[in-house]
């Protein structure tokens, strides 16, 4: 019986690790998608350059 409990605990731990990894991947994908959809204005605002510096590059 003790062995069954240990086995169950191990299985639950593996499932939780898989769930966390999947969540991490999902968040990374969402971040990437948001970054790809940023407007020019948002990208310029995040940059330390102003419009004239950006235009001259």
Protein backbone atom coordinates (compact mmCIF):
# COMPACT_ATOMS: atom_id res chain seq x y z
CA UNK A 1 0.00 0.00 0.00
CA UNK A 2 2.82 2.38 0.83
CA UNK A 3 4.38 1.65 -2.54
CA UNK A 4 1.10 2.54 -4.28
CA UNK A 5 1.00 5.87 -2.48
CA UNK A 6 4.58 6.63 -3.47
CA UNK A 7 3.81 5.70 -7.05
CA UNK A 8 0.71 7.91 -7.07
CA UNK A 9 2.67 10.79 -5.55
CA UNK A 10 5.35 10.40 -8.20
CA UNK A 11 2.74 10.35 -10.97
CA UNK A 12 1.08 13.47 -9.62
CA UNK A 13 4.42 15.24 -9.40
CA UNK A 14 5.20 14.37 -13.04
CA UNK A 15 1.78 15.59 -14.14
CA UNK A 16 2.27 18.88 -12.30
CA UNK A 17 5.71 19.37 -13.86
CA UNK A 18 4.24 18.72 -17.32
CA UNK A 19 1.43 21.18 -16.64
CA UNK A 20 3.89 23.86 -15.53
CA UNK A 21 6.08 23.29 -18.60
CA UNK A 22 3.05 23.55 -20.88
CA UNK A 23 1.97 26.76 -19.16
CA UNK A 24 5.47 28.21 -19.54
CA UNK A 25 5.45 27.37 -23.26
CA UNK A 26 1.99 28.86 -23.70
CA UNK A 27 3.03 32.11 -22.01
CA UNK A 28 6.19 32.33 -24.12
CA UNK A 29 4.15 31.82 -27.29
CA UNK A 30 1.66 34.48 -26.21
CA UNK A 31 4.51 36.91 -25.50
CA UNK A 32 5.99 36.22 -28.92
CA UNK A 33 2.60 36.75 -30.59
CA UNK A 34 2.05 40.07 -28.76
CA UNK A 35 5.53 41.23 -29.75
CA UNK A 36 4.88 40.39 -33.41
CA UNK A 37 1.62 42.36 -33.36
CA UNK A 38 3.03 45.55 -31.88
CA UNK A 39 2.44 48.70 -33.84
CA UNK A 40 5.22 50.94 -35.07
CA UNK A 41 4.28 53.48 -32.41
CA UNK A 42 4.58 50.90 -29.61
CA UNK A 43 7.97 49.76 -30.86
CA UNK A 44 9.21 53.35 -31.13
CA UNK A 45 7.92 54.15 -27.63
CA UNK A 46 9.86 51.18 -26.22
CA UNK A 47 13.01 52.29 -27.99
CA UNK A 48 15.35 54.84 -26.42
CA UNK A 49 15.50 56.70 -29.75
CA UNK A 50 13.23 59.53 -30.74
CA UNK A 51 11.57 59.77 -34.15
CA UNK A 52 14.41 61.81 -35.73
CA UNK A 53 17.09 59.38 -34.56
CA UNK A 54 15.04 56.46 -35.78
CA UNK A 55 14.38 58.09 -39.16
CA UNK A 56 18.10 58.82 -39.71
CA UNK A 57 19.12 55.20 -39.09
